[in-house]
Amino acid sequence: MNKHNFEYRAAGLLFFYFPEVYNGKLSPFYPYVLNTILDLTDCPFDVVWGRLKKGNIFDAECNTGLYSYQIPDKIFDILVDTAALHIALRNPKPFTNILVYTYILRLIGFIIFMITKNDKVFIFFPHLFQVFYVYFYAVEEFNIDVSETNTINLILLVLGKITHELTLHGKKK
């Protein structure tokens, strides 16, 4: 994780504690999406595109360094998720329990990763909190009708996230 990425992620984390978000006047959807975008800044688009063009999505050029990338990135991820959950718990919604459960799942994976230093653990503890947080708050923020179609979309998002985790933490050279 480079210095600029560290600064961006730290600034993004603070967005959760802007008075409008903290006091429930602005949806936490926006700071979470911002933080998700900032999380992508550590791997330039041209590197990701090059990986896709080569047909080798497991060539993880941006996330190979355990101490230089993986550990700081996962620490920021858990800090962002903790801030997001804190805001969700301040203003409970019908979906808050799902957020708590998926947060605990990822937290367990994070703890195991910090002990073992093996990022393959995230295959078994995917970042589903991210998917559910964005989905539920998007549904609420944009008054999206939760129908059978949207439930299928959520299932597809979960499957996509699991595929994403397999891509990032699965087979490597």
N, C-alpha and C. Protein backbone atom coordinates (compact mmCIF):
# COMPACT_ATOMS: atom_id res chain seq x y z
N MET A 1 0.86 -1.17 0.00
CA MET A 1 0.00 0.00 0.00
C MET A 1 0.90 1.23 0.00
N ASN A 2 0.73 2.07 -1.01
CA ASN A 2 1.58 3.24 -1.08
C ASN A 2 1.06 4.36 -0.18
N LYS A 3 1.88 5.38 -0.01
CA LYS A 3 1.56 6.48 0.91
C LYS A 3 0.24 7.17 0.52
N HIS A 4 0.04 7.40 -0.77
CA HIS A 4 -1.16 8.10 -1.21
C HIS A 4 -2.40 7.26 -0.96
N ASN A 5 -2.31 5.95 -1.24
CA ASN A 5 -3.44 5.09 -0.99
C ASN A 5 -3.80 5.10 0.49
N PHE A 6 -2.79 5.08 1.35
CA PHE A 6 -3.00 5.13 2.79
C PHE A 6 -3.76 6.41 3.17
N GLU A 7 -3.33 7.53 2.60
CA GLU A 7 -3.98 8.81 2.90
C GLU A 7 -5.42 8.84 2.39
N TYR A 8 -5.65 8.32 1.19
CA TYR A 8 -7.01 8.29 0.64
C TYR A 8 -7.92 7.44 1.51
N ARG A 9 -7.43 6.28 1.89
CA ARG A 9 -8.26 5.37 2.70
C ARG A 9 -8.56 5.97 4.07
N ALA A 10 -7.56 6.64 4.67
CA ALA A 10 -7.78 7.29 5.97
C ALA A 10 -8.82 8.40 5.85
N ALA A 11 -8.73 9.21 4.80
CA ALA A 11 -9.70 10.29 4.60
C ALA A 11 -11.09 9.73 4.34
N GLY A 12 -11.17 8.66 3.56
CA GLY A 12 -12.46 8.03 3.29
C GLY A 12 -13.11 7.48 4.55
N LEU A 13 -12.30 6.94 5.42
CA LEU A 13 -12.80 6.40 6.69
C LEU A 13 -13.44 7.50 7.53
N LEU A 14 -12.86 8.68 7.51
CA LEU A 14 -13.40 9.80 8.30
C LEU A 14 -14.78 10.24 7.81
N PHE A 15 -15.10 9.98 6.54
CA PHE A 15 -16.39 10.39 5.98
C PHE A 15 -17.56 9.80 6.77
N PHE A 16 -17.39 8.62 7.37
CA PHE A 16 -18.46 8.02 8.16
C PHE A 16 -18.82 8.88 9.37
N TYR A 17 -17.88 9.69 9.81
CA TYR A 17 -18.10 10.47 11.02
C TYR A 17 -18.43 11.93 10.75
N PHE A 18 -18.71 12.26 9.48
CA PHE A 18 -19.26 13.58 9.18
C PHE A 18 -20.59 13.66 9.93
N PRO A 19 -20.91 14.80 10.50
CA PRO A 19 -22.15 14.91 11.29
C PRO A 19 -23.41 14.45 10.55
N GLU A 20 -23.50 14.72 9.25
CA GLU A 20 -24.70 14.34 8.50
C GLU A 20 -24.86 12.82 8.44
N VAL A 21 -23.76 12.11 8.29
CA VAL A 21 -23.81 10.65 8.23
C VAL A 21 -23.98 10.09 9.64
N TYR A 22 -23.19 10.59 10.56
CA TYR A 22 -23.19 10.07 11.94
C TYR A 22 -24.56 10.25 12.60
N ASN A 23 -25.22 11.35 12.30
CA ASN A 23 -26.52 11.62 12.91
C ASN A 23 -27.69 11.12 12.09
N GLY A 24 -27.42 10.36 11.03
CA GLY A 24 -28.48 9.73 10.26
C GLY A 24 -29.17 10.62 9.25
N LYS A 25 -28.63 11.79 8.94
CA LYS A 25 -29.25 12.69 7.97
C LYS A 25 -28.83 12.36 6.54
N LEU A 26 -27.70 11.71 6.39
CA LEU A 26 -27.20 11.29 5.07
C LEU A 26 -26.94 9.79 5.15
N SER A 27 -27.38 9.08 4.14
CA SER A 27 -27.23 7.63 4.12
C SER A 27 -25.76 7.22 4.19
N PRO A 28 -25.46 6.18 4.97
CA PRO A 28 -24.08 5.66 5.00
C PRO A 28 -23.71 4.95 3.70
N PHE A 29 -24.66 4.83 2.79
CA PHE A 29 -24.38 4.25 1.48
C PHE A 29 -23.23 5.01 0.80
N TYR A 30 -23.26 6.35 0.87
CA TYR A 30 -22.28 7.16 0.16
C TYR A 30 -20.85 7.00 0.70
N PRO A 31 -20.63 7.09 2.01
CA PRO A 31 -19.25 6.88 2.46
C PRO A 31 -18.76 5.45 2.22
N TYR A 32 -19.67 4.48 2.27
CA TYR A 32 -19.22 3.10 2.05
C TYR A 32 -18.81 2.90 0.59
N VAL A 33 -19.61 3.42 -0.33
CA VAL A 33 -19.26 3.32 -1.75
C VAL A 33 -17.95 4.07 -2.02
N LEU A 34 -17.80 5.26 -1.42
CA LEU A 34 -16.55 6.01 -1.58
C LEU A 34 -15.37 5.18 -1.10
N ASN A 35 -15.50 4.55 0.04
CA ASN A 35 -14.41 3.73 0.57
C ASN A 35 -14.14 2.51 -0.30
N THR A 36 -15.18 1.95 -0.88
CA THR A 36 -14.99 0.82 -1.78
C THR A 36 -14.21 1.26 -3.02
N ILE A 37 -14.53 2.43 -3.54
CA ILE A 37 -13.80 2.97 -4.70
C ILE A 37 -12.35 3.26 -4.31
N LEU A 38 -12.15 3.86 -3.13
CA LEU A 38 -10.80 4.17 -2.68
C LEU A 38 -9.97 2.90 -2.49
N ASP A 39 -10.63 1.83 -2.11
CA ASP A 39 -9.95 0.55 -1.93
C ASP A 39 -9.36 0.06 -3.27
N LEU A 40 -9.97 0.47 -4.36
CA LEU A 40 -9.49 0.06 -5.68
C LEU A 40 -8.28 0.86 -6.15
N THR A 41 -7.97 1.97 -5.47
CA THR A 41 -6.89 2.84 -5.93
C THR A 41 -5.51 2.23 -5.76
N ASP A 42 -5.42 1.13 -5.02
CA ASP A 42 -4.10 0.52 -4.82
C ASP A 42 -3.68 -0.36 -5.98
N CYS A 43 -4.57 -0.61 -6.89
CA CYS A 43 -4.24 -1.42 -8.07
C CYS A 43 -4.68 -0.64 -9.30
N PRO A 44 -3.74 -0.05 -10.01
CA PRO A 44 -4.10 0.77 -11.17
C PRO A 44 -4.92 -0.01 -12.19
N PHE A 45 -5.85 0.69 -12.82
CA PHE A 45 -6.75 0.06 -13.78
C PHE A 45 -5.99 -0.64 -14.90
N ASP A 46 -4.90 -0.04 -15.36
CA ASP A 46 -4.16 -0.65 -16.47
C ASP A 46 -3.59 -2.01 -16.08
N VAL A 47 -3.26 -2.20 -14.80
CA VAL A 47 -2.76 -3.50 -14.35
C VAL A 47 -3.89 -4.52 -14.35
N VAL A 48 -5.06 -4.11 -13.83
CA VAL A 48 -6.22 -5.00 -13.82
C VAL A 48 -6.61 -5.35 -15.26
N TRP A 49 -6.67 -4.36 -16.13
CA TRP A 49 -7.03 -4.57 -17.53
C TRP A 49 -6.02 -5.50 -18.21
N GLY A 50 -4.74 -5.30 -17.93
CA GLY A 50 -3.71 -6.16 -18.50
C GLY A 50 -3.87 -7.60 -18.07
N ARG A 51 -4.23 -7.80 -16.81
CA ARG A 51 -4.48 -9.14 -16.31
C ARG A 51 -5.63 -9.80 -17.07
N LEU A 52 -6.69 -9.04 -17.27
CA LEU A 52 -7.85 -9.58 -17.98
C LEU A 52 -7.52 -9.89 -19.44
N LYS A 53 -6.77 -9.00 -20.07
CA LYS A 53 -6.39 -9.21 -21.48
C LYS A 53 -5.51 -10.44 -21.65
N LYS A 54 -4.64 -10.69 -20.66
CA LYS A 54 -3.77 -11.87 -20.73
C LYS A 54 -4.54 -13.15 -20.42
N GLY A 55 -5.75 -12.97 -19.89
CA GLY A 55 -6.54 -14.13 -19.51
C GLY A 55 -6.04 -14.79 -18.25
N ASN A 56 -5.23 -14.07 -17.50
CA ASN A 56 -4.68 -14.63 -16.26
C ASN A 56 -5.13 -13.76 -15.09
N ILE A 57 -6.37 -13.98 -14.65
CA ILE A 57 -6.90 -13.15 -13.57
C ILE A 57 -6.24 -13.45 -12.23
N PHE A 58 -5.51 -14.55 -12.13
CA PHE A 58 -4.85 -14.89 -10.87
C PHE A 58 -3.47 -14.24 -10.74
N ASP A 59 -3.05 -13.51 -11.74
CA ASP A 59 -1.77 -12.83 -11.69
C ASP A 59 -1.95 -11.56 -10.86
N ALA A 60 -1.86 -11.70 -9.57
CA ALA A 60 -2.20 -10.61 -8.65
C ALA A 60 -1.02 -9.68 -8.43
N GLU A 61 -0.71 -8.88 -9.44
CA GLU A 61 0.44 -7.99 -9.37
C GLU A 61 0.32 -6.93 -8.28
N CYS A 62 -0.89 -6.57 -7.93
CA CYS A 62 -1.08 -5.47 -6.97
C CYS A 62 -1.19 -5.96 -5.53
N ASN A 63 -1.39 -7.22 -5.33
CA ASN A 63 -1.62 -7.66 -3.96
C ASN A 63 -0.75 -8.84 -3.56
N THR A 64 0.49 -8.83 -4.03
CA THR A 64 1.36 -9.96 -3.72
C THR A 64 2.15 -9.75 -2.44
N GLY A 65 2.37 -8.53 -2.02
CA GLY A 65 3.18 -8.29 -0.84
C GLY A 65 2.37 -8.40 0.44
N LEU A 66 2.70 -9.40 1.24
CA LEU A 66 1.96 -9.62 2.48
C LEU A 66 2.04 -8.40 3.39
N TYR A 67 3.24 -7.94 3.68
CA TYR A 67 3.41 -6.84 4.63
C TYR A 67 3.23 -5.48 3.98
N SER A 68 3.54 -5.39 2.68
CA SER A 68 3.42 -4.09 2.01
C SER A 68 2.01 -3.82 1.50
N TYR A 69 1.21 -4.88 1.30
CA TYR A 69 -0.12 -4.67 0.78
C TYR A 69 -1.21 -5.36 1.60
N GLN A 70 -1.17 -6.67 1.70
CA GLN A 70 -2.27 -7.43 2.27
C GLN A 70 -2.64 -7.00 3.69
N ILE A 71 -1.66 -6.92 4.57
CA ILE A 71 -1.98 -6.59 5.96
C ILE A 71 -2.53 -5.17 6.09
N PRO A 72 -1.88 -4.14 5.54
CA PRO A 72 -2.47 -2.79 5.66
C PRO A 72 -3.85 -2.70 5.00
N ASP A 73 -4.02 -3.35 3.85
CA ASP A 73 -5.31 -3.31 3.15
C ASP A 73 -6.41 -3.94 3.99
N LYS A 74 -6.13 -5.09 4.57
CA LYS A 74 -7.15 -5.78 5.37
C LYS A 74 -7.44 -5.02 6.67
N ILE A 75 -6.43 -4.35 7.22
CA ILE A 75 -6.68 -3.52 8.41
C ILE A 75 -7.62 -2.38 8.06
N PHE A 76 -7.36 -1.71 6.92
CA PHE A 76 -8.26 -0.64 6.50
C PHE A 76 -9.65 -1.18 6.21
N ASP A 77 -9.74 -2.33 5.57
CA ASP A 77 -11.05 -2.93 5.29
C ASP A 77 -11.84 -3.13 6.58
N ILE A 78 -11.20 -3.67 7.60
CA ILE A 78 -11.91 -3.96 8.84
C ILE A 78 -12.25 -2.66 9.58
N LEU A 79 -11.39 -1.64 9.47
CA LEU A 79 -11.71 -0.34 10.07
C LEU A 79 -12.91 0.30 9.38
N VAL A 80 -12.95 0.24 8.06
CA VAL A 80 -14.09 0.78 7.31
C VAL A 80 -15.36 0.02 7.68
N ASP A 81 -15.28 -1.31 7.72
CA ASP A 81 -16.46 -2.10 8.07
C ASP A 81 -16.91 -1.82 9.50
N THR A 82 -15.97 -1.62 10.41
CA THR A 82 -16.32 -1.32 11.80
C THR A 82 -17.04 0.03 11.88
N ALA A 83 -16.52 1.03 11.18
CA ALA A 83 -17.17 2.34 11.17
C ALA A 83 -18.56 2.23 10.54
N ALA A 84 -18.67 1.48 9.45
CA ALA A 84 -19.95 1.31 8.77
C ALA A 84 -20.95 0.60 9.68
N LEU A 85 -20.50 -0.44 10.36
CA LEU A 85 -21.39 -1.16 11.27
C LEU A 85 -21.79 -0.26 12.45
N HIS A 86 -20.84 0.52 12.94
CA HIS A 86 -21.14 1.45 14.03
C HIS A 86 -22.28 2.39 13.64
N ILE A 87 -22.21 2.94 12.45
CA ILE A 87 -23.27 3.83 11.95
C ILE A 87 -24.58 3.06 11.79
N ALA A 88 -24.51 1.85 11.28
CA ALA A 88 -25.72 1.04 11.11
C ALA A 88 -26.37 0.72 12.45
N LEU A 89 -25.56 0.47 13.47
CA LEU A 89 -26.10 0.16 14.79
C LEU A 89 -26.69 1.40 15.48
N ARG A 90 -26.21 2.59 15.12
CA ARG A 90 -26.78 3.84 15.67
C ARG A 90 -28.20 4.07 15.17
N ASN A 91 -28.48 3.61 13.97
CA ASN A 91 -29.80 3.78 13.35
C ASN A 91 -30.26 2.42 12.81
N PRO A 92 -30.66 1.50 13.71
CA PRO A 92 -30.98 0.13 13.28
C PRO A 92 -32.09 0.08 12.23
N LYS A 93 -31.93 -0.86 11.33
CA LYS A 93 -32.89 -1.12 10.25
C LYS A 93 -33.26 -2.61 10.32
N PRO A 94 -34.26 -3.02 9.57
CA PRO A 94 -34.61 -4.46 9.58
C PRO A 94 -33.47 -5.37 9.14
N PHE A 95 -32.53 -4.85 8.37
CA PHE A 95 -31.43 -5.66 7.85
C PHE A 95 -30.16 -5.58 8.70
N THR A 96 -30.20 -4.86 9.80
CA THR A 96 -29.00 -4.65 10.62
C THR A 96 -28.42 -5.97 11.12
N ASN A 97 -29.28 -6.92 11.50
CA ASN A 97 -28.77 -8.21 12.00
C ASN A 97 -27.94 -8.94 10.94
N ILE A 98 -28.36 -8.87 9.68
CA ILE A 98 -27.58 -9.51 8.60
C ILE A 98 -26.21 -8.86 8.51
N LEU A 99 -26.17 -7.53 8.66
CA LEU A 99 -24.89 -6.82 8.63
C LEU A 99 -23.99 -7.27 9.78
N VAL A 100 -24.57 -7.44 10.96
CA VAL A 100 -23.79 -7.88 12.12
C VAL A 100 -23.21 -9.27 11.86
N TYR A 101 -24.03 -10.19 11.35
CA TYR A 101 -23.55 -11.55 11.10
C TYR A 101 -22.46 -11.59 10.04
N THR A 102 -22.63 -10.84 8.96
CA THR A 102 -21.61 -10.86 7.91
C THR A 102 -20.34 -10.14 8.36
N TYR A 103 -20.50 -9.15 9.25
CA TYR A 103 -19.32 -8.47 9.82
C TYR A 103 -18.53 -9.46 10.69
N ILE A 104 -19.24 -10.20 11.52
CA ILE A 104 -18.58 -11.19 12.40
C ILE A 104 -17.86 -12.25 11.55
N LEU A 105 -18.50 -12.69 10.48
CA LEU A 105 -17.87 -13.66 9.58
C LEU A 105 -16.55 -13.13 9.06
N ARG A 106 -16.55 -11.89 8.57
CA ARG A 106 -15.31 -11.31 8.03
C ARG A 106 -14.30 -11.05 9.14
N LEU A 107 -14.76 -10.63 10.30
CA LEU A 107 -13.86 -10.39 11.43
C LEU A 107 -13.13 -11.67 11.84
N ILE A 108 -13.85 -12.77 11.85
CA ILE A 108 -13.21 -14.06 12.16
C ILE A 108 -12.13 -14.36 11.12
N GLY A 109 -12.47 -14.16 9.85
CA GLY A 109 -11.48 -14.37 8.79
C GLY A 109 -10.28 -13.45 8.94
N PHE A 110 -10.53 -12.20 9.30
CA PHE A 110 -9.46 -11.22 9.50
C PHE A 110 -8.53 -11.66 10.63
N ILE A 111 -9.10 -12.11 11.73
CA ILE A 111 -8.29 -12.56 12.88
C ILE A 111 -7.45 -13.78 12.49
N ILE A 112 -8.06 -14.73 11.81
CA ILE A 112 -7.31 -15.92 11.37
C ILE A 112 -6.19 -15.50 10.42
N PHE A 113 -6.50 -14.56 9.50
CA PHE A 113 -5.47 -14.07 8.58
C PHE A 113 -4.32 -13.41 9.33
N MET A 114 -4.62 -12.60 10.31
CA MET A 114 -3.57 -11.91 11.06
C MET A 114 -2.69 -12.90 11.84
N ILE A 115 -3.28 -14.00 12.26
CA ILE A 115 -2.51 -15.01 12.98
C ILE A 115 -1.69 -15.87 12.01
N THR A 116 -2.32 -16.31 10.93
CA THR A 116 -1.65 -17.25 10.02
C THR A 116 -0.87 -16.57 8.89
N LYS A 117 -1.22 -15.32 8.58
CA LYS A 117 -0.63 -14.58 7.45
C LYS A 117 -0.88 -15.28 6.12
N ASN A 118 -1.98 -16.03 6.05
CA ASN A 118 -2.35 -16.75 4.84
C ASN A 118 -3.65 -16.16 4.30
N ASP A 119 -3.57 -15.45 3.17
CA ASP A 119 -4.75 -14.76 2.64
C ASP A 119 -5.78 -15.71 2.02
N LYS A 120 -5.44 -16.98 1.87
CA LYS A 120 -6.41 -17.94 1.35
C LYS A 120 -7.60 -18.11 2.31
N VAL A 121 -7.43 -17.69 3.54
CA VAL A 121 -8.52 -17.78 4.52
C VAL A 121 -9.74 -16.99 4.05
N PHE A 122 -9.53 -15.95 3.24
CA PHE A 122 -10.64 -15.11 2.79
C PHE A 122 -11.53 -15.81 1.77
N ILE A 123 -11.07 -16.93 1.23
CA ILE A 123 -11.94 -17.74 0.38
C ILE A 123 -13.09 -18.30 1.23
N PHE A 124 -12.79 -18.62 2.48
CA PHE A 124 -13.78 -19.20 3.38
C PHE A 124 -14.51 -18.15 4.21
N PHE A 125 -13.97 -16.93 4.25
CA PHE A 125 -14.57 -15.82 4.98
C PHE A 125 -14.68 -14.61 4.03
N PRO A 126 -15.51 -14.73 2.99
CA PRO A 126 -15.57 -13.66 1.98
C PRO A 126 -16.14 -12.36 2.57
N HIS A 127 -15.87 -11.29 1.89
CA HIS A 127 -16.28 -9.96 2.34
C HIS A 127 -17.74 -9.71 1.97
N LEU A 128 -18.63 -10.54 2.48
CA LEU A 128 -20.05 -10.42 2.18
C LEU A 128 -20.66 -9.20 2.85
N PHE A 129 -20.05 -8.73 3.93
CA PHE A 129 -20.53 -7.50 4.58
C PHE A 129 -20.60 -6.38 3.55
N GLN A 130 -19.59 -6.27 2.73
CA GLN A 130 -19.53 -5.23 1.70
C GLN A 130 -20.73 -5.33 0.76
N VAL A 131 -21.02 -6.52 0.30
CA VAL A 131 -22.12 -6.74 -0.63
C VAL A 131 -23.46 -6.37 0.01
N PHE A 132 -23.71 -6.90 1.20
CA PHE A 132 -24.98 -6.65 1.86
C PHE A 132 -25.14 -5.19 2.26
N TYR A 133 -24.07 -4.57 2.72
CA TYR A 133 -24.14 -3.16 3.13
C TYR A 133 -24.54 -2.28 1.96
N VAL A 134 -23.82 -2.43 0.86
CA VAL A 134 -24.12 -1.61 -0.33
C VAL A 134 -25.53 -1.93 -0.84
N TYR A 135 -25.87 -3.20 -0.91
CA TYR A 135 -27.18 -3.60 -1.44
C TYR A 135 -28.31 -3.03 -0.59
N PHE A 136 -28.28 -3.28 0.71
CA PHE A 136 -29.39 -2.85 1.56
C PHE A 136 -29.53 -1.33 1.62
N TYR A 137 -28.40 -0.65 1.72
CA TYR A 137 -28.50 0.82 1.78
C TYR A 137 -28.84 1.42 0.42
N ALA A 138 -28.46 0.78 -0.68
CA ALA A 138 -28.88 1.25 -2.01
C ALA A 138 -30.38 1.07 -2.17
N VAL A 139 -30.91 -0.08 -1.75
CA VAL A 139 -32.35 -0.33 -1.80
C VAL A 139 -33.09 0.75 -1.02
N GLU A 140 -32.58 1.06 0.16
CA GLU A 140 -33.22 2.08 1.00
C GLU A 140 -33.05 3.49 0.40
N GLU A 141 -31.85 3.84 0.00
CA GLU A 141 -31.56 5.19 -0.48
C GLU A 141 -32.32 5.52 -1.76
N PHE A 142 -32.42 4.56 -2.65
CA PHE A 142 -33.02 4.81 -3.96
C PHE A 142 -34.44 4.24 -4.08
N ASN A 143 -35.04 3.85 -2.93
CA ASN A 143 -36.41 3.32 -2.89
C ASN A 143 -36.63 2.22 -3.93
N ILE A 144 -35.70 1.29 -3.97
CA ILE A 144 -35.79 0.18 -4.92
C ILE A 144 -36.76 -0.86 -4.36
N ASP A 145 -37.68 -1.29 -5.19
CA ASP A 145 -38.65 -2.30 -4.79
C ASP A 145 -37.93 -3.64 -4.60
N VAL A 146 -38.06 -4.20 -3.42
CA VAL A 146 -37.43 -5.50 -3.16
C VAL A 146 -38.39 -6.57 -3.65
N SER A 147 -38.07 -7.08 -4.81
CA SER A 147 -38.91 -8.08 -5.45
C SER A 147 -38.11 -9.36 -5.64
N GLU A 148 -38.76 -10.30 -6.28
CA GLU A 148 -38.09 -11.56 -6.59
C GLU A 148 -36.86 -11.32 -7.46
N THR A 149 -36.97 -10.40 -8.41
CA THR A 149 -35.85 -10.08 -9.30
C THR A 149 -34.68 -9.52 -8.50
N ASN A 150 -34.97 -8.63 -7.57
CA ASN A 150 -33.88 -8.06 -6.77
C ASN A 150 -33.25 -9.08 -5.84
N THR A 151 -34.03 -10.05 -5.39
CA THR A 151 -33.46 -11.13 -4.58
C THR A 151 -32.49 -11.95 -5.42
N ILE A 152 -32.86 -12.20 -6.66
CA ILE A 152 -31.96 -12.92 -7.57
C ILE A 152 -30.70 -12.08 -7.81
N ASN A 153 -30.87 -10.77 -7.95
CA ASN A 153 -29.71 -9.88 -8.12
C ASN A 153 -28.78 -9.97 -6.91
N LEU A 154 -29.35 -10.02 -5.71
CA LEU A 154 -28.53 -10.13 -4.50
C LEU A 154 -27.76 -11.45 -4.51
N ILE A 155 -28.42 -12.52 -4.88
CA ILE A 155 -27.75 -13.82 -4.96
C ILE A 155 -26.60 -13.76 -5.97
N LEU A 156 -26.84 -13.12 -7.12
CA LEU A 156 -25.78 -12.97 -8.12
C LEU A 156 -24.62 -12.12 -7.60
N LEU A 157 -24.94 -11.08 -6.83
CA LEU A 157 -23.88 -10.25 -6.23
C LEU A 157 -23.05 -11.06 -5.24
N VAL A 158 -23.71 -11.88 -4.44
CA VAL A 158 -22.99 -12.73 -3.48
C VAL A 158 -22.09 -13.71 -4.22
N LEU A 159 -22.62 -14.35 -5.27
CA LEU A 159 -21.80 -15.27 -6.07
C LEU A 159 -20.64 -14.54 -6.73
N GLY A 160 -20.89 -13.32 -7.19
CA GLY A 160 -19.82 -12.51 -7.77
C GLY A 160 -18.74 -12.18 -6.76
N LYS A 161 -19.14 -11.89 -5.53
CA LYS A 161 -18.16 -11.57 -4.48
C LYS A 161 -17.34 -12.80 -4.14
N ILE A 162 -17.98 -13.95 -4.07
CA ILE A 162 -17.24 -15.18 -3.79
C ILE A 162 -16.24 -15.46 -4.92
N THR A 163 -16.64 -15.23 -6.16
CA THR A 163 -15.73 -15.38 -7.30
C THR A 163 -14.58 -14.39 -7.19
N HIS A 164 -14.90 -13.17 -6.79
CA HIS A 164 -13.88 -12.14 -6.59
C HIS A 164 -12.85 -12.59 -5.55
N GLU A 165 -13.32 -13.13 -4.44
CA GLU A 165 -12.41 -13.61 -3.39
C GLU A 165 -11.54 -14.76 -3.91
N LEU A 166 -12.14 -15.65 -4.68
CA LEU A 166 -11.37 -16.75 -5.27
C LEU A 166 -10.30 -16.21 -6.21
N THR A 167 -10.65 -15.17 -6.97
CA THR A 167 -9.71 -14.56 -7.89
C THR A 167 -8.54 -13.93 -7.15
N LEU A 168 -8.85 -13.20 -6.09
CA LEU A 168 -7.80 -12.50 -5.34
C LEU A 168 -6.95 -13.42 -4.46
N HIS A 169 -7.59 -14.41 -3.87
CA HIS A 169 -6.90 -15.19 -2.85
C HIS A 169 -6.75 -16.66 -3.20
N GLY A 170 -7.18 -17.04 -4.39
CA GLY A 170 -7.08 -18.45 -4.80
C GLY A 170 -5.71 -18.76 -5.34
N LYS A 171 -5.70 -19.58 -6.35
CA LYS A 171 -4.45 -20.05 -6.96
C LYS A 171 -3.57 -18.87 -7.38
N LYS A 172 -2.33 -18.94 -6.99
CA LYS A 172 -1.34 -17.94 -7.40
C LYS A 172 -0.10 -18.68 -7.90
N LYS A 173 0.65 -18.00 -8.75
CA LYS A 173 1.88 -18.62 -9.30
C LYS A 173 2.87 -18.91 -8.21
